[in-house]
PDB file of N, CA and C in Angstrom:
ATOM      1  N   MET A   1      68.588  60.378 166.125  1.00  0.00           N
ATOM      2  CA  MET A   1      68.046  60.975 164.355  1.00  0.00           C
ATOM      3  C   MET A   1      68.162  59.872 163.533  1.00  0.00           C
ATOM      4  N   ALA A   2      67.180  60.376 163.000  1.00  0.00           N
ATOM      5  CA  ALA A   2      67.402  59.588 161.640  1.00  0.00           C
ATOM      6  C   ALA A   2      68.446  59.246 160.779  1.00  0.00           C
ATOM      7  N   GLU A   3      68.524  57.811 160.192  1.00  0.00           N
ATOM      8  CA  GLU A   3      69.766  57.600 159.406  1.00  0.00           C
ATOM      9  C   GLU A   3      69.299  58.070 157.897  1.00  0.00           C
ATOM     10  N   VAL A   4      70.743  58.647 157.378  1.00  0.00           N
ATOM     11  CA  VAL A   4      70.516  59.470 156.084  1.00  0.00           C
ATOM     12  C   VAL A   4      71.551  58.390 155.392  1.00  0.00           C
ATOM     13  N   SER A   5      70.804  58.492 153.732  1.00  0.00           N
ATOM     14  CA  SER A   5      71.443  58.074 152.759  1.00  0.00           C
ATOM     15  C   SER A   5      71.158  58.736 151.553  1.00  0.00           C
ATOM     16  N   ASN A   6      72.106  59.194 150.737  1.00  0.00           N
ATOM     17  CA  ASN A   6      72.164  60.471 150.024  1.00  0.00           C
ATOM     18  C   ASN A   6      71.911  61.396 150.355  1.00  0.00           C
ATOM     19  N   GLY A   7      72.315  61.932 151.445  1.00  0.00           N
ATOM     20  CA  GLY A   7      71.678  62.927 152.048  1.00  0.00           C
ATOM     21  C   GLY A   7      70.354  63.597 152.457  1.00  0.00           C
ATOM     22  N   VAL A   8      69.561  62.301 152.249  1.00  0.00           N
ATOM     23  CA  VAL A   8      68.045  62.321 152.488  1.00  0.00           C
ATOM     24  C   VAL A   8      67.580  61.241 153.735  1.00  0.00           C
ATOM     25  N   PRO A   9      67.598  61.962 154.760  1.00  0.00           N
ATOM     26  CA  PRO A   9      67.063  61.181 156.010  1.00  0.00           C
ATOM     27  C   PRO A   9      65.879  59.785 155.712  1.00  0.00           C
ATOM     28  N   SER A  10      65.937  58.690 156.289  1.00  0.00           N
ATOM     29  CA  SER A  10      65.523  57.543 155.873  1.00  0.00           C
ATOM     30  C   SER A  10      64.225  57.530 157.177  1.00  0.00           C
ATOM     31  N   LEU A  11      62.898  57.473 156.349  1.00  0.00           N
ATOM     32  CA  LEU A  11      61.821  57.557 156.986  1.00  0.00           C
ATOM     33  C   LEU A  11      61.258  56.082 156.492  1.00  0.00           C
ATOM     34  N   PRO A  12      61.362  55.155 157.044  1.00  0.00           N
ATOM     35  CA  PRO A  12      61.466  53.750 156.698  1.00  0.00           C
ATOM     36  C   PRO A  12      59.734  53.397 156.713  1.00  0.00           C
ATOM     37  N   CYS A  13      59.111  52.987 155.489  1.00  0.00           N
ATOM     38  CA  CYS A  13      57.559  52.501 155.813  1.00  0.00           C
ATOM     39  C   CYS A  13      57.641  50.985 156.359  1.00  0.00           C
ATOM     40  N   PRO A  14      56.681  51.395 157.262  1.00  0.00           N
ATOM     41  CA  PRO A  14      56.550  49.953 158.530  1.00  0.00           C
ATOM     42  C   PRO A  14      56.508  48.966 157.979  1.00  0.00           C
ATOM     43  N   GLN A  15      56.008  48.546 156.621  1.00  0.00           N
ATOM     44  CA  GLN A  15      55.494  47.551 156.181  1.00  0.00           C
ATOM     45  C   GLN A  15      56.617  46.778 155.462  1.00  0.00           C
ATOM     46  N   CYS A  16      57.485  47.598 154.350  1.00  0.00           N
ATOM     47  CA  CYS A  16      58.335  47.290 153.372  1.00  0.00           C
ATOM     48  C   CYS A  16      59.560  47.655 154.067  1.00  0.00           C
ATOM     49  N   GLY A  17      59.689  48.309 154.676  1.00  0.00           N
ATOM     50  CA  GLY A  17      61.092  49.220 154.972  1.00  0.00           C
ATOM     51  C   GLY A  17      61.895  50.059 154.095  1.00  0.00           C
ATOM     52  N   VAL A  18      61.071  50.529 153.217  1.00  0.00           N
ATOM     53  CA  VAL A  18      62.158  51.084 152.219  1.00  0.00           C
ATOM     54  C   VAL A  18      61.994  52.874 152.489  1.00  0.00           C
ATOM     55  N   ASN A  19      62.758  53.317 152.115  1.00  0.00           N
ATOM     56  CA  ASN A  19      63.087  54.708 152.551  1.00  0.00           C
ATOM     57  C   ASN A  19      61.529  55.198 151.668  1.00  0.00           C
ATOM     58  N   LEU A  20      60.611  56.081 152.448  1.00  0.00           N
ATOM     59  CA  LEU A  20      59.394  56.810 151.664  1.00  0.00           C
ATOM     60  C   LEU A  20      59.924  58.212 151.022  1.00  0.00           C
ATOM     61  N   LEU A  21      61.157  58.480 151.529  1.00  0.00           N
ATOM     62  CA  LEU A  21      61.621  60.124 151.311  1.00  0.00           C
ATOM     63  C   LEU A  21      62.472  59.633 150.148  1.00  0.00           C
ATOM     64  N   GLU A  22      62.914  58.229 149.622  1.00  0.00           N
ATOM     65  CA  GLU A  22      63.723  58.623 148.515  1.00  0.00           C
ATOM     66  C   GLU A  22      62.764  57.508 147.583  1.00  0.00           C
ATOM     67  N   LYS A  23      62.226  56.724 147.971  1.00  0.00           N
ATOM     68  CA  LYS A  23      61.147  55.807 146.983  1.00  0.00           C
ATOM     69  C   LYS A  23      60.048  56.567 146.861  1.00  0.00           C
ATOM     70  N   GLY A  24      59.140  57.571 147.733  1.00  0.00           N
ATOM     71  CA  GLY A  24      58.136  58.092 146.967  1.00  0.00           C
ATOM     72  C   GLY A  24      56.832  57.437 148.148  1.00  0.00           C
ATOM     73  N   PHE A  25      55.997  58.603 148.074  1.00  0.00           N
ATOM     74  CA  PHE A  25      54.622  57.741 148.581  1.00  0.00           C
ATOM     75  C   PHE A  25      53.709  58.751 147.802  1.00  0.00           C
ATOM     76  N   TYR A  26      52.046  58.177 147.442  1.00  0.00           N
ATOM     77  CA  TYR A  26      51.365  58.518 146.614  1.00  0.00           C
ATOM     78  C   TYR A  26      49.992  58.900 147.623  1.00  0.00           C
ATOM     79  N   ASN A  27      48.973  59.989 146.924  1.00  0.00           N
ATOM     80  CA  ASN A  27      48.141  59.747 147.678  1.00  0.00           C
ATOM     81  C   ASN A  27      46.745  60.063 146.512  1.00  0.00           C
ATOM     82  N   TYR A  28      45.809  59.961 146.713  1.00  0.00           N
ATOM     83  CA  TYR A  28      44.643  60.296 145.515  1.00  0.00           C
ATOM     84  C   TYR A  28      44.006  61.672 145.576  1.00  0.00           C
ATOM     85  N   CYS A  29      43.581  62.194 145.047  1.00  0.00           N
ATOM     86  CA  CYS A  29      43.120  63.779 144.784  1.00  0.00           C
ATOM     87  C   CYS A  29      41.454  63.173 143.357  1.00  0.00           C
ATOM     88  N   SER A  30      40.533  63.779 143.955  1.00  0.00           N
ATOM     89  CA  SER A  30      39.392  64.506 142.724  1.00  0.00           C
ATOM     90  C   SER A  30      39.386  65.229 142.616  1.00  0.00           C
ATOM     91  N   GLU A  31      39.165  65.574 141.368  1.00  0.00           N
ATOM     92  CA  GLU A  31      38.441  66.661 140.670  1.00  0.00           C
ATOM     93  C   GLU A  31      37.881  67.213 139.693  1.00  0.00           C
ATOM     94  N   ARG A  32      37.371  68.183 139.706  1.00  0.00           N
ATOM     95  CA  ARG A  32      36.237  68.654 138.880  1.00  0.00           C
ATOM     96  C   ARG A  32      36.795  69.493 137.961  1.00  0.00           C
ATOM     97  N   SER A  33      36.584  69.222 136.060  1.00  0.00           N
ATOM     98  CA  SER A  33      36.941  70.105 135.660  1.00  0.00           C
ATOM     99  C   SER A  33      35.878  70.494 134.297  1.00  0.00           C
ATOM    100  N   VAL A  34      36.225  71.533 133.722  1.00  0.00           N
ATOM    101  CA  VAL A  34      35.159  72.353 132.848  1.00  0.00           C
ATOM    102  C   VAL A  34      35.594  72.222 131.536  1.00  0.00           C
ATOM    103  N   VAL A  35      35.245  71.672 130.768  1.00  0.00           N
ATOM    104  CA  VAL A  35      36.126  72.120 129.098  1.00  0.00           C
ATOM    105  C   VAL A  35      34.549  72.675 128.460  1.00  0.00           C
ATOM    106  N   THR A  36      35.129  73.419 127.296  1.00  0.00           N
ATOM    107  CA  THR A  36      34.521  74.030 126.421  1.00  0.00           C
ATOM    108  C   THR A  36      34.647  72.805 124.845  1.00  0.00           C
ATOM    109  N   GLU A  37      33.538  72.335 124.685  1.00  0.00           N
ATOM    110  CA  GLU A  37      33.440  71.425 123.604  1.00  0.00           C
ATOM    111  C   GLU A  37      32.928  72.423 122.091  1.00  0.00           C
ATOM    112  N   ARG A  38      34.029  72.551 121.185  1.00  0.00           N
ATOM    113  CA  ARG A  38      33.274  73.405 119.656  1.00  0.00           C
ATOM    114  C   ARG A  38      32.769  72.421 118.888  1.00  0.00           C
ATOM    115  N   ASN A  39      31.646  71.919 118.693  1.00  0.00           N
ATOM    116  CA  ASN A  39      31.465  70.992 117.941  1.00  0.00           C
ATOM    117  C   ASN A  39      31.085  71.899 116.399  1.00  0.00           C
ATOM    118  N   TYR A  40      31.337  71.073 115.503  1.00  0.00           N
ATOM    119  CA  TYR A  40      31.056  71.351 114.325  1.00  0.00           C
ATOM    120  C   TYR A  40      30.740  70.061 113.188  1.00  0.00           C
ATOM    121  N   ALA A  41      30.308  70.092 111.891  1.00  0.00           N
ATOM    122  CA  ALA A  41      29.821  69.354 110.911  1.00  0.00           C
ATOM    123  C   ALA A  41      31.015  69.410 109.953  1.00  0.00           C
ATOM    124  N   TYR A  42      30.589  68.349 108.880  1.00  0.00           N
ATOM    125  CA  TYR A  42      31.897  68.182 107.950  1.00  0.00           C
ATOM    126  C   TYR A  42      31.188  66.360 107.243  1.00  0.00           C
ATOM    127  N   VAL A  43      31.536  66.858 106.178  1.00  0.00           N
ATOM    128  CA  VAL A  43      31.100  65.655 104.906  1.00  0.00           C
ATOM    129  C   VAL A  43      32.432  65.158 104.996  1.00  0.00           C
ATOM    130  N   ALA A  44      32.021  63.627 105.017  1.00  0.00           N
ATOM    131  CA  ALA A  44      32.861  62.501 104.702  1.00  0.00           C
ATOM    132  C   ALA A  44      32.135  61.200 104.147  1.00  0.00           C
ATOM    133  N   GLN A  45      33.130  60.875 102.829  1.00  0.00           N
ATOM    134  CA  GLN A  45      32.097  59.606 102.182  1.00  0.00           C
ATOM    135  C   GLN A  45      30.751  59.919 102.373  1.00  0.00           C
ATOM    136  N   ASP A  46      29.887  60.773 101.693  1.00  0.00           N
ATOM    137  CA  ASP A  46      28.636  61.031 101.619  1.00  0.00           C
ATOM    138  C   ASP A  46      27.795  61.208 102.756  1.00  0.00           C
ATOM    139  N   HIS A  47      28.495  61.564 103.709  1.00  0.00           N
ATOM    140  CA  HIS A  47      27.837  61.526 104.885  1.00  0.00           C
ATOM    141  C   HIS A  47      28.258  62.453 105.804  1.00  0.00           C
ATOM    142  N   ILE A  48      27.297  62.872 106.530  1.00  0.00           N
ATOM    143  CA  ILE A  48      27.726  64.288 107.483  1.00  0.00           C
ATOM    144  C   ILE A  48      27.824  63.663 108.893  1.00  0.00           C
ATOM    145  N   HIS A  49      29.057  64.537 109.191  1.00  0.00           N
ATOM    146  CA  HIS A  49      29.381  64.056 110.923  1.00  0.00           C
ATOM    147  C   HIS A  49      29.622  64.908 111.695  1.00  0.00           C
ATOM    148  N   VAL A  50      29.460  64.583 112.894  1.00  0.00           N
ATOM    149  CA  VAL A  50      29.719  65.850 113.574  1.00  0.00           C
ATOM    150  C   VAL A  50      30.861  65.279 114.831  1.00  0.00           C
ATOM    151  N   ASP A  51      31.906  66.258 115.212  1.00  0.00           N
ATOM    152  CA  ASP A  51      32.516  66.315 115.558  1.00  0.00           C
ATOM    153  C   ASP A  51      32.973  67.785 116.940  1.00  0.00           C
ATOM    154  N   HIS A  52      34.157  67.346 117.614  1.00  0.00           N
ATOM    155  CA  HIS A  52      34.075  68.371 118.515  1.00  0.00           C
ATOM    156  C   HIS A  52      35.288  68.469 119.015  1.00  0.00           C
ATOM    157  N   GLU A  53      36.209  69.735 119.447  1.00  0.00           N
ATOM    158  CA  GLU A  53      37.282  69.661 119.831  1.00  0.00           C
ATOM    159  C   GLU A  53      37.118  70.258 121.494  1.00  0.00           C
ATOM    160  N   GLU A  54      37.789  69.918 122.027  1.00  0.00           N
ATOM    161  CA  GLU A  54      38.177  70.568 123.673  1.00  0.00           C
ATOM    162  C   GLU A  54      39.181  71.533 123.779  1.00  0.00           C
ATOM    163  N   THR A  55      38.275  72.426 124.184  1.00  0.00           N
ATOM    164  CA  THR A  55      39.278  74.121 124.483  1.00  0.00           C
ATOM    165  C   THR A  55      39.092  74.469 125.911  1.00  0.00           C
ATOM    166  N   ASP A  56      39.661  75.213 126.450  1.00  0.00           N
ATOM    167  CA  ASP A  56      39.525  76.018 127.596  1.00  0.00           C
ATOM    168  C   ASP A  56      39.388  75.332 129.080  1.00  0.00           C
ATOM    169  N   ASN A  57      40.562  74.080 128.823  1.00  0.00           N
ATOM    170  CA  ASN A  57      39.741  73.026 130.074  1.00  0.00           C
ATOM    171  C   ASN A  57      40.316  74.007 131.824  1.00  0.00           C
ATOM    172  N   GLN A  58      39.694  73.964 132.217  1.00  0.00           N
ATOM    173  CA  GLN A  58      39.970  74.361 133.406  1.00  0.00           C
ATOM    174  C   GLN A  58      38.939  73.535 134.859  1.00  0.00           C
ATOM    175  N   ILE A  59      40.437  73.698 135.973  1.00  0.00           N
ATOM    176  CA  ILE A  59      40.009  72.867 137.080  1.00  0.00           C
ATOM    177  C   ILE A  59      38.958  73.764 137.941  1.00  0.00           C
ATOM    178  N   GLU A  60      38.044  72.935 138.502  1.00  0.00           N
ATOM    179  CA  GLU A  60      36.946  74.076 139.237  1.00  0.00           C
ATOM    180  C   GLU A  60      37.173  73.712 140.711  1.00  0.00           C
ATOM    181  N   ASP A  61      37.539  72.246 141.192  1.00  0.00           N
ATOM    182  CA  ASP A  61      37.532  71.495 142.167  1.00  0.00           C
ATOM    183  C   ASP A  61      38.670  70.609 142.046  1.00  0.00           C
ATOM    184  N   HIS A  62      39.536  70.803 143.728  1.00  0.00           N
ATOM    185  CA  HIS A  62      40.401  69.839 143.522  1.00  0.00           C
ATOM    186  C   HIS A  62      40.495  69.347 144.883  1.00  0.00           C
ATOM    187  N   GLU A  63      40.450  67.851 145.477  1.00  0.00           N
ATOM    188  CA  GLU A  63      40.513  67.462 146.348  1.00  0.00           C
ATOM    189  C   GLU A  63      41.549  66.477 147.195  1.00  0.00           C
ATOM    190  N   CYS A  64      42.628  66.777 147.781  1.00  0.00           N
ATOM    191  CA  CYS A  64      43.129  65.709 148.104  1.00  0.00           C
ATOM    192  C   CYS A  64      42.821  65.115 149.079  1.00  0.00           C
ATOM    193  N   GLN A  65      42.676  63.778 149.395  1.00  0.00           N
ATOM    194  CA  GLN A  65      43.038  62.634 150.303  1.00  0.00           C
ATOM    195  C   GLN A  65      43.378  62.683 151.282  1.00  0.00           C
ATOM    196  N   LEU A  66      43.806  62.468 152.188  1.00  0.00           N
ATOM    197  CA  LEU A  66      44.486  62.675 153.496  1.00  0.00           C
ATOM    198  C   LEU A  66      45.605  61.065 153.740  1.00  0.00           C
ATOM    199  N   ASP A  67      44.762  60.160 153.229  1.00  0.00           N
ATOM    200  CA  ASP A  67      45.579  58.813 153.286  1.00  0.00           C
ATOM    201  C   ASP A  67      46.845  58.724 152.611  1.00  0.00           C
ATOM    202  N   ALA A  68      48.194  58.515 152.848  1.00  0.00           N
ATOM    203  CA  ALA A  68      49.180  58.543 151.938  1.00  0.00           C
ATOM    204  C   ALA A  68      49.626  56.829 152.033  1.00  0.00           C
ATOM    205  N   TYR A  69      50.289  56.479 151.005  1.00  0.00           N
ATOM    206  CA  TYR A  69      50.479  54.779 150.441  1.00  0.00           C
ATOM    207  C   TYR A  69      52.092  55.225 149.763  1.00  0.00           C
ATOM    208  N   CYS A  70      52.706  53.989 150.892  1.00  0.00           N
ATOM    209  CA  CYS A  70      53.935  53.481 149.949  1.00  0.00           C
ATOM    210  C   CYS A  70      53.942  53.038 148.703  1.00  0.00           C
ATOM    211  N   CYS A  71      54.844  53.931 147.458  1.00  0.00           N
ATOM    212  CA  CYS A  71      54.996  53.660 146.209  1.00  0.00           C
ATOM    213  C   CYS A  71      55.938  52.376 146.147  1.00  0.00           C
ATOM    214  N   GLU A  72      56.173  52.080 147.083  1.00  0.00           N
ATOM    215  CA  GLU A  72      57.151  50.151 146.723  1.00  0.00           C
ATOM    216  C   GLU A  72      55.732  49.433 147.377  1.00  0.00           C
ATOM    217  N   CYS A  73      54.827  49.278 148.305  1.00  0.00           N
ATOM    218  CA  CYS A  73      54.478  48.057 148.203  1.00  0.00           C
ATOM    219  C   CYS A  73      52.915  48.390 148.725  1.00  0.00           C
ATOM    220  N   ASP A  74      52.425  49.779 148.332  1.00  0.00           N
ATOM    221  CA  ASP A  74      51.077  50.177 147.876  1.00  0.00           C
ATOM    222  C   ASP A  74      50.348  50.192 149.245  1.00  0.00           C
ATOM    223  N   ASP A  75      51.370  49.966 150.519  1.00  0.00           N
ATOM    224  CA  ASP A  75      49.746  49.860 151.921  1.00  0.00           C
ATOM    225  C   ASP A  75      50.075  51.534 152.247  1.00  0.00           C
ATOM    226  N   LEU A  76      48.740  50.990 153.177  1.00  0.00           N
ATOM    227  CA  LEU A  76      48.588  52.153 153.602  1.00  0.00           C
ATOM    228  C   LEU A  76      49.164  52.783 154.657  1.00  0.00           C
ATOM    229  N   LEU A  77      50.159  54.215 154.864  1.00  0.00           N
ATOM    230  CA  LEU A  77      51.098  54.876 155.928  1.00  0.00           C
ATOM    231  C   LEU A  77      50.362  55.113 157.025  1.00  0.00           C
ATOM    232  N   PRO A  78      51.193  54.838 158.157  1.00  0.00           N
ATOM    233  CA  PRO A  78      50.145  55.608 159.327  1.00  0.00           C
ATOM    234  C   PRO A  78      50.381  56.842 159.596  1.00  0.00           C
ATOM    235  N   TRP A  79      50.399  57.913 159.009  1.00  0.00           N
ATOM    236  CA  TRP A  79      51.232  59.556 158.543  1.00  0.00           C
ATOM    237  C   TRP A  79      50.102  59.932 158.264  1.00  0.00           C
ATOM    238  N   PRO A  80      49.503  60.599 158.234  1.00  0.00           N
ATOM    239  CA  PRO A  80      48.734  61.489 157.377  1.00  0.00           C
ATOM    240  C   PRO A  80      49.288  61.952 156.198  1.00  0.00           C
ATOM    241  N   LEU A  81      48.815  62.631 155.069  1.00  0.00           N
ATOM    242  CA  LEU A  81      49.655  62.864 153.782  1.00  0.00           C
ATOM    243  C   LEU A  81      50.299  64.810 154.062  1.00  0.00           C
ATOM    244  N   TYR A  82      49.726  65.403 154.781  1.00  0.00           N
ATOM    245  CA  TYR A  82      50.009  66.495 155.302  1.00  0.00           C
ATOM    246  C   TYR A  82      51.169  66.652 156.222  1.00  0.00           C
ATOM    247  N   GLU A  83      51.597  65.626 157.095  1.00  0.00           N
ATOM    248  CA  GLU A  83      52.820  65.403 157.857  1.00  0.00           C
ATOM    249  C   GLU A  83      53.793  65.019 157.246  1.00  0.00           C
ATOM    250  N   LEU A  84      53.560  64.033 155.891  1.00  0.00           N
ATOM    251  CA  LEU A  84      54.532  64.097 155.323  1.00  0.00           C
ATOM    252  C   LEU A  84      55.256  64.874 154.389  1.00  0.00           C
ATOM    253  N   ARG A  85      54.228  65.606 153.664  1.00  0.00           N
ATOM    254  CA  ARG A  85      54.069  66.791 153.071  1.00  0.00           C
ATOM    255  C   ARG A  85      55.074  68.372 153.938  1.00  0.00           C
ATOM    256  N   ASN A  86      54.632  68.031 154.890  1.00  0.00           N
ATOM    257  CA  ASN A  86      55.289  69.097 156.140  1.00  0.00           C
ATOM    258  C   ASN A  86      56.955  69.094 156.354  1.00  0.00           C
ATOM    259  N   ILE A  87      57.312  67.999 155.582  1.00  0.00           N
ATOM    260  CA  ILE A  87      59.346  67.717 155.939  1.00  0.00           C
ATOM    261  C   ILE A  87      59.602  68.614 154.755  1.00  0.00           C
ATOM    262  N   GLY A  88      59.130  68.696 153.703  1.00  0.00           N
ATOM    263  CA  GLY A  88      59.690  69.304 152.671  1.00  0.00           C
ATOM    264  C   GLY A  88      59.791  71.092 153.332  1.00  0.00           C
ATOM    265  N   GLY A  89      60.799  71.314 152.508  1.00  0.00           N
ATOM    266  CA  GLY A  89      61.484  73.026 152.630  1.00  0.00           C
ATOM    267  C   GLY A  89      62.246  73.338 154.134  1.00  0.00           C
ATOM    268  N   ARG A  90      62.866  71.842 154.644  1.00  0.00           N
ATOM    269  CA  ARG A  90      63.585  72.219 155.761  1.00  0.00           C
ATOM    270  C   ARG A  90      64.874  71.824 155.350  1.00  0.00           C
ATOM    271  N   SER A  91      65.905  72.091 156.554  1.00  0.00           N
ATOM    272  CA  SER A  91      67.399  71.550 156.752  1.00  0.00           C
ATOM    273  C   SER A  91      67.331  70.138 156.637  1.00  0.00           C
ATOM    274  N   PRO A  92      68.451  69.462 156.483  1.00  0.00           N
ATOM    275  CA  PRO A  92      68.249  68.260 156.662  1.00  0.00           C
ATOM    276  C   PRO A  92      68.375  68.008 158.086  1.00  0.00           C
ATOM    277  N   ASP A  93      68.997  69.223 158.716  1.00  0.00           N
ATOM    278  CA  ASP A  93      68.962  68.611 160.450  1.00  0.00           C
ATOM    279  C   ASP A  93      67.616  68.454 160.797  1.00  0.00           C
ATOM    280  N   GLU A  94      66.868  69.414 160.292  1.00  0.00           N
ATOM    281  CA  GLU A  94      65.373  69.872 160.494  1.00  0.00           C
ATOM    282  C   GLU A  94      64.637  68.620 160.371  1.00  0.00           C
ATOM    283  N   VAL A  95      64.487  68.067 158.981  1.00  0.00           N
ATOM    284  CA  VAL A  95      63.939  67.045 158.385  1.00  0.00           C
ATOM    285  C   VAL A  95      64.622  65.589 159.137  1.00  0.00           C
ATOM    286  N   GLY A  96      65.853  65.298 159.660  1.00  0.00           N
ATOM    287  CA  GLY A  96      65.999  64.489 160.650  1.00  0.00           C
ATOM    288  C   GLY A  96      65.352  64.444 161.859  1.00  0.00           C
ATOM    289  N   LYS A  97      64.945  65.478 162.267  1.00  0.00           N
ATOM    290  CA  LYS A  97      64.149  65.517 163.511  1.00  0.00           C
ATOM    291  C   LYS A  97      62.784  65.238 163.348  1.00  0.00           C
ATOM    292  N   ALA A  98      62.226  66.030 161.830  1.00  0.00           N
ATOM    293  CA  ALA A  98      60.904  65.636 162.208  1.00  0.00           C
ATOM    294  C   ALA A  98      60.337  64.026 161.746  1.00  0.00           C
ATOM    295  N   VAL A  99      61.880  63.562 161.217  1.00  0.00           N
ATOM    296  CA  VAL A  99      61.909  61.678 161.073  1.00  0.00           C
ATOM    297  C   VAL A  99      61.478  61.191 161.909  1.00  0.00           C
ATOM    298  N   ALA A 100      62.141  61.470 163.282  1.00  0.00           N
ATOM    299  CA  ALA A 100      62.656  60.747 164.508  1.00  0.00           C
ATOM    300  C   ALA A 100      61.231  61.013 165.051  1.00  0.00           C
ATOM    301  N   MET A 101      60.183  62.103 164.862  1.00  0.00           N
ATOM    302  CA  MET A 101      59.320  62.468 165.797  1.00  0.00           C
ATOM    303  C   MET A 101      57.717  61.532 165.367  1.00  0.00           C
ATOM    304  N   LEU A 102      58.345  61.469 163.583  1.00  0.00           N
ATOM    305  CA  LEU A 102      57.140  60.290 163.105  1.00  0.00           C
ATOM    306  C   LEU A 102      57.399  59.370 163.516  1.00  0.00           C
ATOM    307  N   LEU A 103      58.478  58.853 163.725  1.00  0.00           N
ATOM    308  CA  LEU A 103      58.420  57.179 164.253  1.00  0.00           C
ATOM    309  C   LEU A 103      58.619  56.993 165.824  1.00  0.00           C
ATOM    310  N   ALA A 104      58.908  57.739 166.323  1.00  0.00           N
ATOM    311  CA  ALA A 104      58.878  57.929 167.270  1.00  0.00           C
ATOM    312  C   ALA A 104      57.025  58.009 168.333  1.00  0.00           C
ATOM    313  N   GLN A 105      56.546  58.591 167.330  1.00  0.00           N
ATOM    314  CA  GLN A 105      55.035  58.710 167.259  1.00  0.00           C
ATOM    315  C   GLN A 105      54.070  57.174 166.976  1.00  0.00           C
ATOM    316  N   LEU A 106      55.144  56.782 166.076  1.00  0.00           N
ATOM    317  CA  LEU A 106      54.300  55.172 165.561  1.00  0.00           C
ATOM    318  C   LEU A 106      54.911  54.245 166.603  1.00  0.00           C
ATOM    319  N   LYS A 107      56.065  54.159 167.277  1.00  0.00           N
ATOM    320  CA  LYS A 107      56.419  53.358 168.480  1.00  0.00           C
ATOM    321  C   LYS A 107      55.645  53.671 169.393  1.00  0.00           C
ATOM    322  N   SER A 108      55.288  54.864 169.560  1.00  0.00           N
ATOM    323  CA  SER A 108      54.559  55.077 170.861  1.00  0.00           C
ATOM    324  C   SER A 108      52.805  54.451 170.481  1.00  0.00           C
ATOM    325  N   GLU A 109      52.625  54.921 169.576  1.00  0.00           N
ATOM    326  CA  GLU A 109      50.924  54.282 169.010  1.00  0.00           C
ATOM    327  C   GLU A 109      51.029  52.458 168.959  1.00  0.00           C
ATOM    328  N   ASP A 110      52.166  52.011 168.634  1.00  0.00           N
ATOM    329  CA  ASP A 110      52.238  50.552 168.829  1.00  0.00           C
ATOM    330  C   ASP A 110      52.609  50.053 170.154  1.00  0.00           C
ATOM    331  N   GLU A 111      53.029  50.757 171.123  1.00  0.00           N
ATOM    332  CA  GLU A 111      53.370  50.501 172.687  1.00  0.00           C
ATOM    333  C   GLU A 111      51.773  51.031 172.974  1.00  0.00           C
ATOM    334  N   GLY A 112      51.091  51.488 172.803  1.00  0.00           N
ATOM    335  CA  GLY A 112      49.845  51.561 173.664  1.00  0.00           C
ATOM    336  C   GLY A 112      49.206  50.261 172.864  1.00  0.00           C
ATOM    337  N   GLN A 113      48.955  49.806 171.839  1.00  0.00           N
ATOM    338  CA  GLN A 113      48.184  49.103 171.249  1.00  0.00           C
ATOM    339  C   GLN A 113      48.586  47.912 171.941  1.00  0.00           C
ATOM    340  N   GLN A 114      49.877  47.413 171.958  1.00  0.00           N
ATOM    341  CA  GLN A 114      50.194  46.418 172.768  1.00  0.00           C
ATOM    342  C   GLN A 114      49.778  46.044 174.344  1.00  0.00           C
ATOM    343  N   GLU A 115      49.915  46.746 175.032  1.00  0.00           N
ATOM    344  CA  GLU A 115      49.349  47.743 176.212  1.00  0.00           C
ATOM    345  C   GLU A 115      48.108  47.643 176.444  1.00  0.00           C
ATOM    346  N   GLY A 116      47.131  47.726 175.165  1.00  0.00           N
ATOM    347  CA  GLY A 116      45.659  47.647 175.457  1.00  0.00           C
ATOM    348  C   GLY A 116      45.686  46.106 174.975  1.00  0.00           C
ATOM    349  N   ALA A 117      46.470  45.145 174.398  1.00  0.00           N
ATOM    350  CA  ALA A 117      45.574  43.933 173.860  1.00  0.00           C
ATOM    351  C   ALA A 117      46.278  42.994 175.273  1.00  0.00           C
ATOM    352  N   SER A 118      47.036  43.727 175.916  1.00  0.00           N
ATOM    353  CA  SER A 118      47.608  42.511 177.569  1.00  0.00           C
ATOM    354  C   SER A 118      46.737  42.869 178.551  1.00  0.00           C
ATOM    355  N   ALA A 119      45.948  44.155 178.592  1.00  0.00           N
ATOM    356  CA  ALA A 119      45.240  44.312 179.355  1.00  0.00           C
ATOM    357  C   ALA A 119      43.970  43.531 179.786  1.00  0.00           C
TER     358      ALA A 119
END
């Protein structure tokens, strides 16, 4: 089972070792929004100026990238964003088991790479 600190199991960053569940991880998203610009004219210092105000800001498209990064060292993590977010909403015991599975997956991948390199 995963080590626990302050009630939060430890999921160490493979690069720097910080607990990702305490220090955090991040991802990038892109989104497209639509804004209404209300244009108007006014006179200032004997000149006509045209300005606008933005209203009705609406997000029409939002897409999250699946790559996740460590907030401490900014390195790419080996787990996709959805696997890390899937930890949320579970009991501490369930989170500990999920963390253990993520770490076992990482260890298994490392062993497979080592076997491939020695072959």
